[in-house]
Amino acid sequence: MMTEGDWVFASYRGQKVTGFLLLMRESTVLVQATIPHDLGIIEVSTDRVSWNNNAVICIDDLPGLIDLSLDWKDKEWFEKWTHELSLCKRLTDQNVSMRS
């Protein structure tokens, strides 16, 4: 069962969208698209959405999520995603220095 705030996959205008559920209606849902991030909030038929309890966020997704947290003025999300990005950068820097 999907609940508001869950990460979901959706099919929207022929493309796969990853995002989180904002609002459930009788036959449609509102999804904040994060991949691709330029879609914003989309309305999708419930039969075109699947629950994603194992969402994988890649390093390439983090700048878009940080921008989204700034747009929404969500301090908690901003801190979460900037922290994740700093961890990824540290790992990348360590891997580069080990190769040198």
C-alpha atoms as a PDB file:
ATOM      1  CA  MET A   1       0.000   0.000   0.000  1.00  0.00           C
ATOM      2  CA  MET A   2       1.357   3.386  -0.987  1.00  0.00           C
ATOM      3  CA  THR A   3       1.294   6.310   1.412  1.00  0.00           C
ATOM      4  CA  GLU A   4       2.188   9.944   1.019  1.00  0.00           C
ATOM      5  CA  GLY A   5       5.947  10.451   1.130  1.00  0.00           C
ATOM      6  CA  ASP A   6       6.756   7.030  -0.387  1.00  0.00           C
ATOM      7  CA  TRP A   7       9.205   6.834  -3.273  1.00  0.00           C
ATOM      8  CA  VAL A   8       7.443   5.640  -6.407  1.00  0.00           C
ATOM      9  CA  PHE A   9       8.021   4.838 -10.055  1.00  0.00           C
ATOM     10  CA  ALA A  10       5.533   6.148 -12.587  1.00  0.00           C
ATOM     11  CA  SER A  11       4.953   6.029 -16.301  1.00  0.00           C
ATOM     12  CA  TYR A  12       4.286   9.570 -17.502  1.00  0.00           C
ATOM     13  CA  ARG A  13       3.981  10.600 -21.153  1.00  0.00           C
ATOM     14  CA  GLY A  14       6.002   7.608 -22.275  1.00  0.00           C
ATOM     15  CA  GLN A  15       8.871   8.020 -19.843  1.00  0.00           C
ATOM     16  CA  LYS A  16       9.831   6.397 -16.561  1.00  0.00           C
ATOM     17  CA  VAL A  17       9.703   8.814 -13.647  1.00  0.00           C
ATOM     18  CA  THR A  18      11.069   8.398 -10.131  1.00  0.00           C
ATOM     19  CA  GLY A  19       9.695  10.596  -7.388  1.00  0.00           C
ATOM     20  CA  PHE A  20       7.776  10.686  -4.174  1.00  0.00           C
ATOM     21  CA  LEU A  21       4.079  10.595  -3.558  1.00  0.00           C
ATOM     22  CA  LEU A  22       2.577  13.915  -2.541  1.00  0.00           C
ATOM     23  CA  LEU A  23      -1.144  13.242  -2.591  1.00  0.00           C
ATOM     24  CA  MET A  24      -3.406  10.272  -3.245  1.00  0.00           C
ATOM     25  CA  ARG A  25      -6.766  10.839  -4.867  1.00  0.00           C
ATOM     26  CA  GLU A  26      -9.448   8.371  -5.882  1.00  0.00           C
ATOM     27  CA  SER A  27      -8.018   7.470  -9.312  1.00  0.00           C
ATOM     28  CA  THR A  28      -4.898   9.652  -9.589  1.00  0.00           C
ATOM     29  CA  VAL A  29      -1.885  10.610  -7.517  1.00  0.00           C
ATOM     30  CA  LEU A  30       0.339  13.664  -7.410  1.00  0.00           C
ATOM     31  CA  VAL A  31       4.037  12.824  -7.628  1.00  0.00           C
ATOM     32  CA  GLN A  32       6.980  15.151  -7.132  1.00  0.00           C
ATOM     33  CA  ALA A  33       9.268  13.984  -9.911  1.00  0.00           C
ATOM     34  CA  THR A  34      12.921  13.820  -8.937  1.00  0.00           C
ATOM     35  CA  ILE A  35      14.170  11.950 -12.016  1.00  0.00           C
ATOM     36  CA  PRO A  36      13.827  13.701 -14.375  1.00  0.00           C
ATOM     37  CA  HIS A  37      13.752  16.649 -11.977  1.00  0.00           C
ATOM     38  CA  ASP A  38      12.538  19.195 -14.523  1.00  0.00           C
ATOM     39  CA  LEU A  39       9.014  17.690 -14.595  1.00  0.00           C
ATOM     40  CA  GLY A  40       8.080  19.086 -11.186  1.00  0.00           C
ATOM     41  CA  ILE A  41       4.754  17.861  -9.819  1.00  0.00           C
ATOM     42  CA  ILE A  42       2.867  15.482 -12.091  1.00  0.00           C
ATOM     43  CA  GLU A  43      -0.564  13.907 -11.897  1.00  0.00           C
ATOM     44  CA  VAL A  44      -0.632  10.235 -12.817  1.00  0.00           C
ATOM     45  CA  SER A  45      -3.322   7.576 -12.932  1.00  0.00           C
ATOM     46  CA  THR A  46      -2.955   5.173  -9.992  1.00  0.00           C
ATOM     47  CA  ASP A  47      -2.563   2.232 -12.377  1.00  0.00           C
ATOM     48  CA  ARG A  48       0.603   3.858 -13.794  1.00  0.00           C
ATOM     49  CA  VAL A  49       2.375   4.109 -10.420  1.00  0.00           C
ATOM     50  CA  SER A  50       4.240   1.449  -8.495  1.00  0.00           C
ATOM     51  CA  TRP A  51       5.540   1.659  -4.969  1.00  0.00           C
ATOM     52  CA  ASN A  52       9.294   1.676  -4.614  1.00  0.00           C
ATOM     53  CA  ASN A  53      10.420   0.730  -1.117  1.00  0.00           C
ATOM     54  CA  ASN A  54      14.001   0.181  -2.307  1.00  0.00           C
ATOM     55  CA  ALA A  55      14.620   3.464  -4.090  1.00  0.00           C
ATOM     56  CA  VAL A  56      18.228   3.918  -5.062  1.00  0.00           C
ATOM     57  CA  ILE A  57      19.540   7.452  -5.102  1.00  0.00           C
ATOM     58  CA  CYS A  58      22.670   7.851  -7.234  1.00  0.00           C
ATOM     59  CA  ILE A  59      25.322  10.516  -6.830  1.00  0.00           C
ATOM     60  CA  ASP A  60      24.070  12.109 -10.060  1.00  0.00           C
ATOM     61  CA  ASP A  61      20.627  12.558  -8.442  1.00  0.00           C
ATOM     62  CA  LEU A  62      21.937  14.511  -5.448  1.00  0.00           C
ATOM     63  CA  PRO A  63      22.350  17.979  -7.046  1.00  0.00           C
ATOM     64  CA  GLY A  64      18.747  17.840  -8.277  1.00  0.00           C
ATOM     65  CA  LEU A  65      17.504  16.767  -4.853  1.00  0.00           C
ATOM     66  CA  ILE A  66      19.494  19.575  -3.211  1.00  0.00           C
ATOM     67  CA  ASP A  67      17.957  22.079  -5.649  1.00  0.00           C
ATOM     68  CA  LEU A  68      14.515  20.675  -4.901  1.00  0.00           C
ATOM     69  CA  SER A  69      15.059  21.022  -1.143  1.00  0.00           C
ATOM     70  CA  LEU A  70      16.082  24.666  -1.675  1.00  0.00           C
ATOM     71  CA  ASP A  71      13.022  25.330  -3.854  1.00  0.00           C
ATOM     72  CA  TRP A  72      10.796  23.864  -1.138  1.00  0.00           C
ATOM     73  CA  LYS A  73      12.770  25.543   1.669  1.00  0.00           C
ATOM     74  CA  ASP A  74      13.083  22.125   3.337  1.00  0.00           C
ATOM     75  CA  LYS A  75      16.043  22.411   5.712  1.00  0.00           C
ATOM     76  CA  GLU A  76      15.928  18.749   6.774  1.00  0.00           C
ATOM     77  CA  TRP A  77      16.078  17.499   3.184  1.00  0.00           C
ATOM     78  CA  PHE A  78      18.797  20.009   2.300  1.00  0.00           C
ATOM     79  CA  GLU A  79      20.944  18.785   5.184  1.00  0.00           C
ATOM     80  CA  LYS A  80      20.293  15.146   4.311  1.00  0.00           C
ATOM     81  CA  TRP A  81      21.231  15.476   0.628  1.00  0.00           C
ATOM     82  CA  THR A  82      24.242  17.757   1.179  1.00  0.00           C
ATOM     83  CA  HIS A  83      25.511  15.279   3.786  1.00  0.00           C
ATOM     84  CA  GLU A  84      25.054  12.397   1.324  1.00  0.00           C
ATOM     85  CA  LEU A  85      26.878  14.378  -1.359  1.00  0.00           C
ATOM     86  CA  SER A  86      29.772  15.146   1.008  1.00  0.00           C
ATOM     87  CA  LEU A  87      30.075  11.428   1.836  1.00  0.00           C
ATOM     88  CA  CYS A  88      30.157  10.534  -1.846  1.00  0.00           C
ATOM     89  CA  LYS A  89      32.765  13.186  -2.572  1.00  0.00           C
ATOM     90  CA  ARG A  90      34.924  11.945   0.298  1.00  0.00           C
ATOM     91  CA  LEU A  91      34.786   8.393  -1.064  1.00  0.00           C
ATOM     92  CA  THR A  92      35.613   9.629  -4.552  1.00  0.00           C
ATOM     93  CA  ASP A  93      38.527  11.704  -3.254  1.00  0.00           C
ATOM     94  CA  GLN A  94      39.851   8.728  -1.271  1.00  0.00           C
ATOM     95  CA  ASN A  95      39.662   6.467  -4.328  1.00  0.00           C
ATOM     96  CA  VAL A  96      41.514   9.016  -6.433  1.00  0.00           C
ATOM     97  CA  SER A  97      44.270   9.486  -3.840  1.00  0.00           C
ATOM     98  CA  MET A  98      44.706   5.716  -3.496  1.00  0.00           C
ATOM     99  CA  ARG A  99      45.290   5.392  -7.248  1.00  0.00           C
ATOM    100  CA  SER A 100      47.969   8.105  -7.313  1.00  0.00           C
END
